[in-house]
PDB file of all heavy atoms in Angstrom:
ATOM      1  N   ASN A   1      -8.324  26.348 -36.220  1.00  0.00           N
ATOM      2  CA  ASN A   1      -7.609  26.563 -34.953  1.00  0.00           C
ATOM      3  C   ASN A   1      -8.180  25.790 -33.777  1.00  0.00           C
ATOM      4  O   ASN A   1      -7.474  25.524 -32.806  1.00  0.00           O
ATOM      5  CB  ASN A   1      -7.571  28.056 -34.610  1.00  0.00           C
ATOM      6  CG  ASN A   1      -6.629  28.810 -35.519  1.00  0.00           C
ATOM      7  OD1 ASN A   1      -5.717  28.224 -36.104  1.00  0.00           O
ATOM      8  ND2 ASN A   1      -6.851  30.107 -35.652  1.00  0.00           N
ATOM      9  N   ASP A   2      -9.450  25.439 -33.825  1.00  0.00           N
ATOM     10  CA  ASP A   2     -10.101  24.775 -32.694  1.00  0.00           C
ATOM     11  C   ASP A   2     -10.207  23.259 -32.849  1.00  0.00           C
ATOM     12  O   ASP A   2     -10.770  22.596 -31.984  1.00  0.00           O
ATOM     13  CB  ASP A   2     -11.511  25.356 -32.495  1.00  0.00           C
ATOM     14  CG  ASP A   2     -11.480  26.824 -32.102  1.00  0.00           C
ATOM     15  OD1 ASP A   2     -10.527  27.223 -31.405  1.00  0.00           O
ATOM     16  OD2 ASP A   2     -12.392  27.557 -32.505  1.00  0.00           O
ATOM     17  N   SER A   3      -9.701  22.715 -33.935  1.00  0.00           N
ATOM     18  CA  SER A   3      -9.863  21.281 -34.199  1.00  0.00           C
ATOM     19  C   SER A   3      -8.557  20.523 -33.985  1.00  0.00           C
ATOM     20  O   SER A   3      -7.477  21.059 -34.187  1.00  0.00           O
ATOM     21  CB  SER A   3     -10.321  21.060 -35.639  1.00  0.00           C
ATOM     22  OG  SER A   3     -11.577  21.632 -35.853  1.00  0.00           O
ATOM     23  N   TRP A   4      -8.718  19.270 -33.613  1.00  0.00           N
ATOM     24  CA  TRP A   4      -7.567  18.389 -33.508  1.00  0.00           C
ATOM     25  C   TRP A   4      -7.185  17.866 -34.885  1.00  0.00           C
ATOM     26  O   TRP A   4      -8.028  17.702 -35.765  1.00  0.00           O
ATOM     27  CB  TRP A   4      -7.890  17.191 -32.623  1.00  0.00           C
ATOM     28  CG  TRP A   4      -7.927  17.483 -31.163  1.00  0.00           C
ATOM     29  CD1 TRP A   4      -7.382  18.541 -30.504  1.00  0.00           C
ATOM     30  CD2 TRP A   4      -8.539  16.669 -30.159  1.00  0.00           C
ATOM     31  NE1 TRP A   4      -7.608  18.443 -29.160  1.00  0.00           N
ATOM     32  CE2 TRP A   4      -8.323  17.294 -28.920  1.00  0.00           C
ATOM     33  CE3 TRP A   4      -9.252  15.477 -30.191  1.00  0.00           C
ATOM     34  CZ2 TRP A   4      -8.783  16.772 -27.718  1.00  0.00           C
ATOM     35  CZ3 TRP A   4      -9.708  14.959 -29.002  1.00  0.00           C
ATOM     36  CH2 TRP A   4      -9.476  15.592 -27.773  1.00  0.00           C
ATOM     37  N   THR A   5      -5.910  17.549 -35.038  1.00  0.00           N
ATOM     38  CA  THR A   5      -5.432  16.874 -36.244  1.00  0.00           C
ATOM     39  C   THR A   5      -5.760  15.384 -36.096  1.00  0.00           C
ATOM     40  O   THR A   5      -6.155  14.920 -35.018  1.00  0.00           O
ATOM     41  CB  THR A   5      -3.912  17.042 -36.391  1.00  0.00           C
ATOM     42  OG1 THR A   5      -3.271  16.351 -35.308  1.00  0.00           O
ATOM     43  CG2 THR A   5      -3.506  18.509 -36.409  1.00  0.00           C
ATOM     44  N   ILE A   6      -5.542  14.623 -37.152  1.00  0.00           N
ATOM     45  CA  ILE A   6      -5.740  13.173 -37.069  1.00  0.00           C
ATOM     46  C   ILE A   6      -4.796  12.585 -36.029  1.00  0.00           C
ATOM     47  O   ILE A   6      -5.189  11.718 -35.227  1.00  0.00           O
ATOM     48  CB  ILE A   6      -5.565  12.506 -38.447  1.00  0.00           C
ATOM     49  CG1 ILE A   6      -6.726  12.915 -39.365  1.00  0.00           C
ATOM     50  CG2 ILE A   6      -5.471  10.984 -38.324  1.00  0.00           C
ATOM     51  CD1 ILE A   6      -6.583  12.469 -40.807  1.00  0.00           C
ATOM     52  N   LYS A   7      -3.574  13.059 -35.971  1.00  0.00           N
ATOM     53  CA  LYS A   7      -2.621  12.584 -34.958  1.00  0.00           C
ATOM     54  C   LYS A   7      -3.171  12.814 -33.552  1.00  0.00           C
ATOM     55  O   LYS A   7      -3.080  11.948 -32.685  1.00  0.00           O
ATOM     56  CB  LYS A   7      -1.282  13.326 -35.081  1.00  0.00           C
ATOM     57  CG  LYS A   7      -0.208  12.595 -35.802  1.00  0.00           C
ATOM     58  CD  LYS A   7       1.093  13.364 -35.654  1.00  0.00           C
ATOM     59  CE  LYS A   7       2.252  12.534 -36.127  1.00  0.00           C
ATOM     60  NZ  LYS A   7       3.523  13.244 -36.001  1.00  0.00           N
ATOM     61  N   GLU A   8      -3.737  13.982 -33.336  1.00  0.00           N
ATOM     62  CA  GLU A   8      -4.258  14.310 -32.008  1.00  0.00           C
ATOM     63  C   GLU A   8      -5.513  13.503 -31.678  1.00  0.00           C
ATOM     64  O   GLU A   8      -5.712  13.122 -30.521  1.00  0.00           O
ATOM     65  CB  GLU A   8      -4.516  15.812 -31.918  1.00  0.00           C
ATOM     66  CG  GLU A   8      -3.224  16.615 -31.934  1.00  0.00           C
ATOM     67  CD  GLU A   8      -3.412  18.098 -32.133  1.00  0.00           C
ATOM     68  OE1 GLU A   8      -4.401  18.521 -32.789  1.00  0.00           O
ATOM     69  OE2 GLU A   8      -2.554  18.857 -31.645  1.00  0.00           O
ATOM     70  N   ILE A   9      -6.332  13.227 -32.679  1.00  0.00           N
ATOM     71  CA  ILE A   9      -7.515  12.380 -32.445  1.00  0.00           C
ATOM     72  C   ILE A   9      -7.063  10.977 -32.039  1.00  0.00           C
ATOM     73  O   ILE A   9      -7.585  10.402 -31.075  1.00  0.00           O
ATOM     74  CB  ILE A   9      -8.432  12.323 -33.689  1.00  0.00           C
ATOM     75  CG1 ILE A   9      -9.055  13.699 -33.961  1.00  0.00           C
ATOM     76  CG2 ILE A   9      -9.527  11.263 -33.504  1.00  0.00           C
ATOM     77  CD1 ILE A   9      -9.769  13.803 -35.307  1.00  0.00           C
ATOM     78  N   VAL A  10      -6.098  10.420 -32.751  1.00  0.00           N
ATOM     79  CA  VAL A  10      -5.580   9.088 -32.403  1.00  0.00           C
ATOM     80  C   VAL A  10      -4.957   9.131 -31.003  1.00  0.00           C
ATOM     81  O   VAL A  10      -5.165   8.223 -30.200  1.00  0.00           O
ATOM     82  CB  VAL A  10      -4.584   8.590 -33.470  1.00  0.00           C
ATOM     83  CG1 VAL A  10      -3.842   7.341 -33.003  1.00  0.00           C
ATOM     84  CG2 VAL A  10      -5.333   8.296 -34.774  1.00  0.00           C
ATOM     85  N   GLY A  11      -4.236  10.187 -30.693  1.00  0.00           N
ATOM     86  CA  GLY A  11      -3.674  10.340 -29.354  1.00  0.00           C
ATOM     87  C   GLY A  11      -4.760  10.372 -28.298  1.00  0.00           C
ATOM     88  O   GLY A  11      -4.651   9.730 -27.245  1.00  0.00           O
ATOM     89  N   HIS A  12      -5.830  11.108 -28.565  1.00  0.00           N
ATOM     90  CA  HIS A  12      -6.962  11.149 -27.629  1.00  0.00           C
ATOM     91  C   HIS A  12      -7.582   9.762 -27.458  1.00  0.00           C
ATOM     92  O   HIS A  12      -7.967   9.382 -26.357  1.00  0.00           O
ATOM     93  CB  HIS A  12      -8.019  12.140 -28.117  1.00  0.00           C
ATOM     94  CG  HIS A  12      -9.311  12.002 -27.404  1.00  0.00           C
ATOM     95  ND1 HIS A  12      -9.480  12.331 -26.073  1.00  0.00           N
ATOM     96  CD2 HIS A  12     -10.506  11.523 -27.825  1.00  0.00           C
ATOM     97  CE1 HIS A  12     -10.730  12.082 -25.720  1.00  0.00           C
ATOM     98  NE2 HIS A  12     -11.363  11.579 -26.764  1.00  0.00           N
ATOM     99  N   MET A  13      -7.663   8.997 -28.542  1.00  0.00           N
ATOM    100  CA  MET A  13      -8.208   7.641 -28.447  1.00  0.00           C
ATOM    101  C   MET A  13      -7.327   6.760 -27.556  1.00  0.00           C
ATOM    102  O   MET A  13      -7.832   5.918 -26.812  1.00  0.00           O
ATOM    103  CB  MET A  13      -8.370   7.036 -29.841  1.00  0.00           C
ATOM    104  CG  MET A  13      -9.435   7.737 -30.675  1.00  0.00           C
ATOM    105  SD  MET A  13      -9.500   7.136 -32.380  1.00  0.00           S
ATOM    106  CE  MET A  13     -10.481   5.640 -32.141  1.00  0.00           C
ATOM    107  N   ILE A  14      -6.032   6.975 -27.618  1.00  0.00           N
ATOM    108  CA  ILE A  14      -5.099   6.254 -26.738  1.00  0.00           C
ATOM    109  C   ILE A  14      -5.341   6.671 -25.292  1.00  0.00           C
ATOM    110  O   ILE A  14      -5.427   5.830 -24.387  1.00  0.00           O
ATOM    111  CB  ILE A  14      -3.644   6.505 -27.173  1.00  0.00           C
ATOM    112  CG1 ILE A  14      -3.372   5.854 -28.525  1.00  0.00           C
ATOM    113  CG2 ILE A  14      -2.659   6.007 -26.100  1.00  0.00           C
ATOM    114  CD1 ILE A  14      -2.091   6.328 -29.203  1.00  0.00           C
ATOM    115  N   ASP A  15      -5.472   7.983 -25.063  1.00  0.00           N
ATOM    116  CA  ASP A  15      -5.762   8.479 -23.715  1.00  0.00           C
ATOM    117  C   ASP A  15      -7.067   7.896 -23.182  1.00  0.00           C
ATOM    118  O   ASP A  15      -7.161   7.510 -22.016  1.00  0.00           O
ATOM    119  CB  ASP A  15      -5.877  10.004 -23.712  1.00  0.00           C
ATOM    120  CG  ASP A  15      -4.582  10.703 -24.035  1.00  0.00           C
ATOM    121  OD1 ASP A  15      -3.508  10.078 -23.930  1.00  0.00           O
ATOM    122  OD2 ASP A  15      -4.643  11.899 -24.395  1.00  0.00           O
ATOM    123  N   SER A  16      -8.067   7.842 -24.030  1.00  0.00           N
ATOM    124  CA  SER A  16      -9.357   7.289 -23.636  1.00  0.00           C
ATOM    125  C   SER A  16      -9.211   5.826 -23.215  1.00  0.00           C
ATOM    126  O   SER A  16      -9.753   5.400 -22.193  1.00  0.00           O
ATOM    127  CB  SER A  16     -10.348   7.410 -24.793  1.00  0.00           C
ATOM    128  OG  SER A  16     -11.575   6.829 -24.450  1.00  0.00           O
ATOM    129  N   ALA A  17      -8.462   5.074 -24.003  1.00  0.00           N
ATOM    130  CA  ALA A  17      -8.239   3.663 -23.659  1.00  0.00           C
ATOM    131  C   ALA A  17      -7.523   3.537 -22.317  1.00  0.00           C
ATOM    132  O   ALA A  17      -7.932   2.753 -21.461  1.00  0.00           O
ATOM    133  CB  ALA A  17      -7.445   2.966 -24.762  1.00  0.00           C
ATOM    134  N   THR A  18      -6.471   4.318 -22.112  1.00  0.00           N
ATOM    135  CA  THR A  18      -5.711   4.185 -20.865  1.00  0.00           C
ATOM    136  C   THR A  18      -6.541   4.612 -19.672  1.00  0.00           C
ATOM    137  O   THR A  18      -6.507   3.955 -18.624  1.00  0.00           O
ATOM    138  CB  THR A  18      -4.378   4.975 -20.910  1.00  0.00           C
ATOM    139  OG1 THR A  18      -4.643   6.347 -21.121  1.00  0.00           O
ATOM    140  CG2 THR A  18      -3.468   4.451 -21.998  1.00  0.00           C
ATOM    141  N   ASN A  19      -7.309   5.690 -19.801  1.00  0.00           N
ATOM    142  CA  ASN A  19      -8.167   6.119 -18.701  1.00  0.00           C
ATOM    143  C   ASN A  19      -9.242   5.077 -18.397  1.00  0.00           C
ATOM    144  O   ASN A  19      -9.531   4.793 -17.236  1.00  0.00           O
ATOM    145  CB  ASN A  19      -8.812   7.476 -19.010  1.00  0.00           C
ATOM    146  CG  ASN A  19      -7.914   8.621 -18.647  1.00  0.00           C
ATOM    147  OD1 ASN A  19      -7.824   8.986 -17.483  1.00  0.00           O
ATOM    148  ND2 ASN A  19      -7.224   9.169 -19.628  1.00  0.00           N
ATOM    149  N   ASN A  20      -9.824   4.510 -19.444  1.00  0.00           N
ATOM    150  CA  ASN A  20     -10.859   3.493 -19.227  1.00  0.00           C
ATOM    151  C   ASN A  20     -10.285   2.199 -18.664  1.00  0.00           C
ATOM    152  O   ASN A  20     -10.947   1.532 -17.868  1.00  0.00           O
ATOM    153  CB  ASN A  20     -11.656   3.255 -20.510  1.00  0.00           C
ATOM    154  CG  ASN A  20     -12.706   4.315 -20.691  1.00  0.00           C
ATOM    155  OD1 ASN A  20     -13.654   4.392 -19.926  1.00  0.00           O
ATOM    156  ND2 ASN A  20     -12.521   5.170 -21.681  1.00  0.00           N
ATOM    157  N   ILE A  21      -9.070   1.854 -19.033  1.00  0.00           N
ATOM    158  CA  ILE A  21      -8.431   0.679 -18.439  1.00  0.00           C
ATOM    159  C   ILE A  21      -8.323   0.876 -16.925  1.00  0.00           C
ATOM    160  O   ILE A  21      -8.664  -0.016 -16.147  1.00  0.00           O
ATOM    161  CB  ILE A  21      -7.051   0.410 -19.080  1.00  0.00           C
ATOM    162  CG1 ILE A  21      -7.232  -0.172 -20.481  1.00  0.00           C
ATOM    163  CG2 ILE A  21      -6.212  -0.532 -18.199  1.00  0.00           C
ATOM    164  CD1 ILE A  21      -5.953  -0.219 -21.312  1.00  0.00           C
ATOM    165  N   HIS A  22      -7.863   2.046 -16.515  1.00  0.00           N
ATOM    166  CA  HIS A  22      -7.756   2.324 -15.075  1.00  0.00           C
ATOM    167  C   HIS A  22      -9.116   2.264 -14.397  1.00  0.00           C
ATOM    168  O   HIS A  22      -9.243   1.697 -13.306  1.00  0.00           O
ATOM    169  CB  HIS A  22      -7.094   3.686 -14.842  1.00  0.00           C
ATOM    170  CG  HIS A  22      -5.628   3.659 -15.049  1.00  0.00           C
ATOM    171  ND1 HIS A  22      -4.736   3.482 -14.026  1.00  0.00           N
ATOM    172  CD2 HIS A  22      -4.884   3.759 -16.179  1.00  0.00           C
ATOM    173  CE1 HIS A  22      -3.503   3.486 -14.511  1.00  0.00           C
ATOM    174  NE2 HIS A  22      -3.568   3.649 -15.816  1.00  0.00           N
ATOM    175  N   ARG A  23     -10.122   2.820 -15.017  1.00  0.00           N
ATOM    176  CA  ARG A  23     -11.467   2.780 -14.423  1.00  0.00           C
ATOM    177  C   ARG A  23     -11.964   1.343 -14.295  1.00  0.00           C
ATOM    178  O   ARG A  23     -12.517   0.960 -13.268  1.00  0.00           O
ATOM    179  CB  ARG A  23     -12.428   3.602 -15.271  1.00  0.00           C
ATOM    180  CG  ARG A  23     -12.167   5.079 -15.206  1.00  0.00           C
ATOM    181  CD  ARG A  23     -13.123   5.842 -16.115  1.00  0.00           C
ATOM    182  NE  ARG A  23     -12.758   7.245 -16.148  1.00  0.00           N
ATOM    183  CZ  ARG A  23     -12.685   7.971 -17.250  1.00  0.00           C
ATOM    184  NH1 ARG A  23     -12.962   7.424 -18.427  1.00  0.00           N
ATOM    185  NH2 ARG A  23     -12.356   9.226 -17.207  1.00  0.00           N
ATOM    186  N   ILE A  24     -11.795   0.553 -15.362  1.00  0.00           N
ATOM    187  CA  ILE A  24     -12.255  -0.839 -15.338  1.00  0.00           C
ATOM    188  C   ILE A  24     -11.591  -1.604 -14.187  1.00  0.00           C
ATOM    189  O   ILE A  24     -12.248  -2.353 -13.467  1.00  0.00           O
ATOM    190  CB  ILE A  24     -11.979  -1.528 -16.695  1.00  0.00           C
ATOM    191  CG1 ILE A  24     -12.881  -0.946 -17.785  1.00  0.00           C
ATOM    192  CG2 ILE A  24     -12.179  -3.048 -16.600  1.00  0.00           C
ATOM    193  CD1 ILE A  24     -12.462  -1.325 -19.207  1.00  0.00           C
ATOM    194  N   ILE A  25     -10.314  -1.402 -14.016  1.00  0.00           N
ATOM    195  CA  ILE A  25      -9.591  -2.110 -12.960  1.00  0.00           C
ATOM    196  C   ILE A  25     -10.029  -1.616 -11.585  1.00  0.00           C
ATOM    197  O   ILE A  25     -10.391  -2.411 -10.706  1.00  0.00           O
ATOM    198  CB  ILE A  25      -8.071  -1.972 -13.164  1.00  0.00           C
ATOM    199  CG1 ILE A  25      -7.651  -2.743 -14.425  1.00  0.00           C
ATOM    200  CG2 ILE A  25      -7.299  -2.479 -11.937  1.00  0.00           C
ATOM    201  CD1 ILE A  25      -6.259  -2.434 -14.922  1.00  0.00           C
ATOM    202  N   HIS A  26     -10.020  -0.287 -11.391  1.00  0.00           N
ATOM    203  CA  HIS A  26     -10.397   0.268 -10.084  1.00  0.00           C
ATOM    204  C   HIS A  26     -11.824  -0.109  -9.688  1.00  0.00           C
ATOM    205  O   HIS A  26     -12.094  -0.378  -8.516  1.00  0.00           O
ATOM    206  CB  HIS A  26     -10.253   1.788 -10.081  1.00  0.00           C
ATOM    207  CG  HIS A  26      -8.841   2.256  -9.979  1.00  0.00           C
ATOM    208  ND1 HIS A  26      -8.107   2.167  -8.814  1.00  0.00           N
ATOM    209  CD2 HIS A  26      -8.017   2.823 -10.896  1.00  0.00           C
ATOM    210  CE1 HIS A  26      -6.900   2.663  -9.015  1.00  0.00           C
ATOM    211  NE2 HIS A  26      -6.808   3.056 -10.279  1.00  0.00           N
ATOM    212  N   LEU A  27     -12.729  -0.123 -10.660  1.00  0.00           N
ATOM    213  CA  LEU A  27     -14.130  -0.419 -10.348  1.00  0.00           C
ATOM    214  C   LEU A  27     -14.359  -1.869  -9.930  1.00  0.00           C
ATOM    215  O   LEU A  27     -15.436  -2.202  -9.444  1.00  0.00           O
ATOM    216  CB  LEU A  27     -15.024  -0.062 -11.533  1.00  0.00           C
ATOM    217  CG  LEU A  27     -15.286   1.436 -11.675  1.00  0.00           C
ATOM    218  CD1 LEU A  27     -15.914   1.746 -13.032  1.00  0.00           C
ATOM    219  CD2 LEU A  27     -16.161   1.936 -10.542  1.00  0.00           C
ATOM    220  N   GLN A  28     -13.360  -2.704 -10.082  1.00  0.00           N
ATOM    221  CA  GLN A  28     -13.515  -4.094  -9.673  1.00  0.00           C
ATOM    222  C   GLN A  28     -12.980  -4.370  -8.271  1.00  0.00           C
ATOM    223  O   GLN A  28     -13.217  -5.449  -7.730  1.00  0.00           O
ATOM    224  CB  GLN A  28     -12.853  -5.020 -10.695  1.00  0.00           C
ATOM    225  CG  GLN A  28     -13.599  -4.987 -12.026  1.00  0.00           C
ATOM    226  CD  GLN A  28     -12.999  -5.927 -13.019  1.00  0.00           C
ATOM    227  OE1 GLN A  28     -13.202  -7.142 -12.942  1.00  0.00           O
ATOM    228  NE2 GLN A  28     -12.240  -5.385 -13.956  1.00  0.00           N
ATOM    229  N   TYR A  29     -12.262  -3.401  -7.672  1.00  0.00           N
ATOM    230  CA  TYR A  29     -11.769  -3.668  -6.317  1.00  0.00           C
ATOM    231  C   TYR A  29     -11.903  -2.496  -5.348  1.00  0.00           C
ATOM    232  O   TYR A  29     -11.743  -2.676  -4.150  1.00  0.00           O
ATOM    233  CB  TYR A  29     -10.317  -4.170  -6.348  1.00  0.00           C
ATOM    234  CG  TYR A  29      -9.262  -3.113  -6.606  1.00  0.00           C
ATOM    235  CD1 TYR A  29      -8.673  -2.425  -5.551  1.00  0.00           C
ATOM    236  CD2 TYR A  29      -8.848  -2.825  -7.904  1.00  0.00           C
ATOM    237  CE1 TYR A  29      -7.700  -1.459  -5.789  1.00  0.00           C
ATOM    238  CE2 TYR A  29      -7.874  -1.877  -8.139  1.00  0.00           C
ATOM    239  CZ  TYR A  29      -7.307  -1.187  -7.083  1.00  0.00           C
ATOM    240  OH  TYR A  29      -6.352  -0.248  -7.322  1.00  0.00           O
ATOM    241  N   GLN A  30     -12.224  -1.308  -5.849  1.00  0.00           N
ATOM    242  CA  GLN A  30     -12.415  -0.152  -4.975  1.00  0.00           C
ATOM    243  C   GLN A  30     -13.879  -0.068  -4.543  1.00  0.00           C
ATOM    244  O   GLN A  30     -14.758  -0.592  -5.229  1.00  0.00           O
ATOM    245  CB  GLN A  30     -12.039   1.140  -5.720  1.00  0.00           C
ATOM    246  CG  GLN A  30     -10.604   1.238  -6.139  1.00  0.00           C
ATOM    247  CD  GLN A  30      -9.694   1.674  -4.996  1.00  0.00           C
ATOM    248  OE1 GLN A  30     -10.133   2.015  -3.912  1.00  0.00           O
ATOM    249  NE2 GLN A  30      -8.403   1.657  -5.263  1.00  0.00           N
ATOM    250  N   PRO A  31     -14.147   0.609  -3.433  1.00  0.00           N
ATOM    251  CA  PRO A  31     -15.546   0.800  -3.023  1.00  0.00           C
ATOM    252  C   PRO A  31     -16.314   1.604  -4.075  1.00  0.00           C
ATOM    253  O   PRO A  31     -15.760   2.490  -4.715  1.00  0.00           O
ATOM    254  CB  PRO A  31     -15.443   1.590  -1.720  1.00  0.00           C
ATOM    255  CG  PRO A  31     -14.027   1.503  -1.281  1.00  0.00           C
ATOM    256  CD  PRO A  31     -13.201   1.200  -2.495  1.00  0.00           C
ATOM    257  N   SER A  32     -17.583   1.251  -4.242  1.00  0.00           N
ATOM    258  CA  SER A  32     -18.448   1.937  -5.202  1.00  0.00           C
ATOM    259  C   SER A  32     -19.409   2.829  -4.430  1.00  0.00           C
ATOM    260  O   SER A  32     -19.911   2.419  -3.392  1.00  0.00           O
ATOM    261  CB  SER A  32     -19.223   0.900  -6.012  1.00  0.00           C
ATOM    262  OG  SER A  32     -20.098   1.509  -6.918  1.00  0.00           O
ATOM    263  N   PRO A  33     -19.674   4.064  -4.873  1.00  0.00           N
ATOM    264  CA  PRO A  33     -19.154   4.691  -6.087  1.00  0.00           C
ATOM    265  C   PRO A  33     -17.734   5.224  -5.878  1.00  0.00           C
ATOM    266  O   PRO A  33     -17.350   5.637  -4.791  1.00  0.00           O
ATOM    267  CB  PRO A  33     -20.131   5.835  -6.343  1.00  0.00           C
ATOM    268  CG  PRO A  33     -20.661   6.206  -5.016  1.00  0.00           C
ATOM    269  CD  PRO A  33     -20.654   4.934  -4.207  1.00  0.00           C
ATOM    270  N   LEU A  34     -16.994   5.207  -6.943  1.00  0.00           N
ATOM    271  CA  LEU A  34     -15.596   5.614  -6.947  1.00  0.00           C
ATOM    272  C   LEU A  34     -15.484   7.024  -7.520  1.00  0.00           C
ATOM    273  O   LEU A  34     -16.095   7.338  -8.535  1.00  0.00           O
ATOM    274  CB  LEU A  34     -14.798   4.634  -7.815  1.00  0.00           C
ATOM    275  CG  LEU A  34     -13.339   4.937  -8.113  1.00  0.00           C
ATOM    276  CD1 LEU A  34     -12.507   4.850  -6.841  1.00  0.00           C
ATOM    277  CD2 LEU A  34     -12.806   3.957  -9.146  1.00  0.00           C
ATOM    278  N   ILE A  35     -14.734   7.853  -6.847  1.00  0.00           N
ATOM    279  CA  ILE A  35     -14.450   9.178  -7.398  1.00  0.00           C
ATOM    280  C   ILE A  35     -13.123   9.057  -8.124  1.00  0.00           C
ATOM    281  O   ILE A  35     -12.109   8.693  -7.539  1.00  0.00           O
ATOM    282  CB  ILE A  35     -14.398  10.245  -6.299  1.00  0.00           C
ATOM    283  CG1 ILE A  35     -15.761  10.352  -5.626  1.00  0.00           C
ATOM    284  CG2 ILE A  35     -13.964  11.591  -6.886  1.00  0.00           C
ATOM    285  CD1 ILE A  35     -15.795  11.277  -4.431  1.00  0.00           C
ATOM    286  N   PHE A  36     -13.159   9.312  -9.410  1.00  0.00           N
ATOM    287  CA  PHE A  36     -11.990   9.156 -10.254  1.00  0.00           C
ATOM    288  C   PHE A  36     -11.533  10.537 -10.709  1.00  0.00           C
ATOM    289  O   PHE A  36     -12.365  11.398 -10.964  1.00  0.00           O
ATOM    290  CB  PHE A  36     -12.357   8.284 -11.473  1.00  0.00           C
ATOM    291  CG  PHE A  36     -11.193   7.588 -12.096  1.00  0.00           C
ATOM    292  CD1 PHE A  36     -10.734   6.395 -11.588  1.00  0.00           C
ATOM    293  CD2 PHE A  36     -10.557   8.130 -13.191  1.00  0.00           C
ATOM    294  CE1 PHE A  36      -9.663   5.744 -12.162  1.00  0.00           C
ATOM    295  CE2 PHE A  36      -9.482   7.492 -13.775  1.00  0.00           C
ATOM    296  CZ  PHE A  36      -9.032   6.303 -13.259  1.00  0.00           C
ATOM    297  N   PRO A  37     -10.235  10.772 -10.829  1.00  0.00           N
ATOM    298  CA  PRO A  37      -9.767  12.098 -11.258  1.00  0.00           C
ATOM    299  C   PRO A  37     -10.367  12.495 -12.610  1.00  0.00           C
ATOM    300  O   PRO A  37     -10.583  11.668 -13.481  1.00  0.00           O
ATOM    301  CB  PRO A  37      -8.250  11.929 -11.389  1.00  0.00           C
ATOM    302  CG  PRO A  37      -7.915  10.720 -10.605  1.00  0.00           C
ATOM    303  CD  PRO A  37      -9.131   9.841 -10.610  1.00  0.00           C
TER     304      PRO A  37
END
């Protein structure tokens, strides 16, 4: 009941990529340190 399925793990990996893409971009033009949601 507490574990993700393989589908959900892959989905989380997609979320991780999209969140990190935003961080990588923001960290190159926003003032540092940046507070990110």
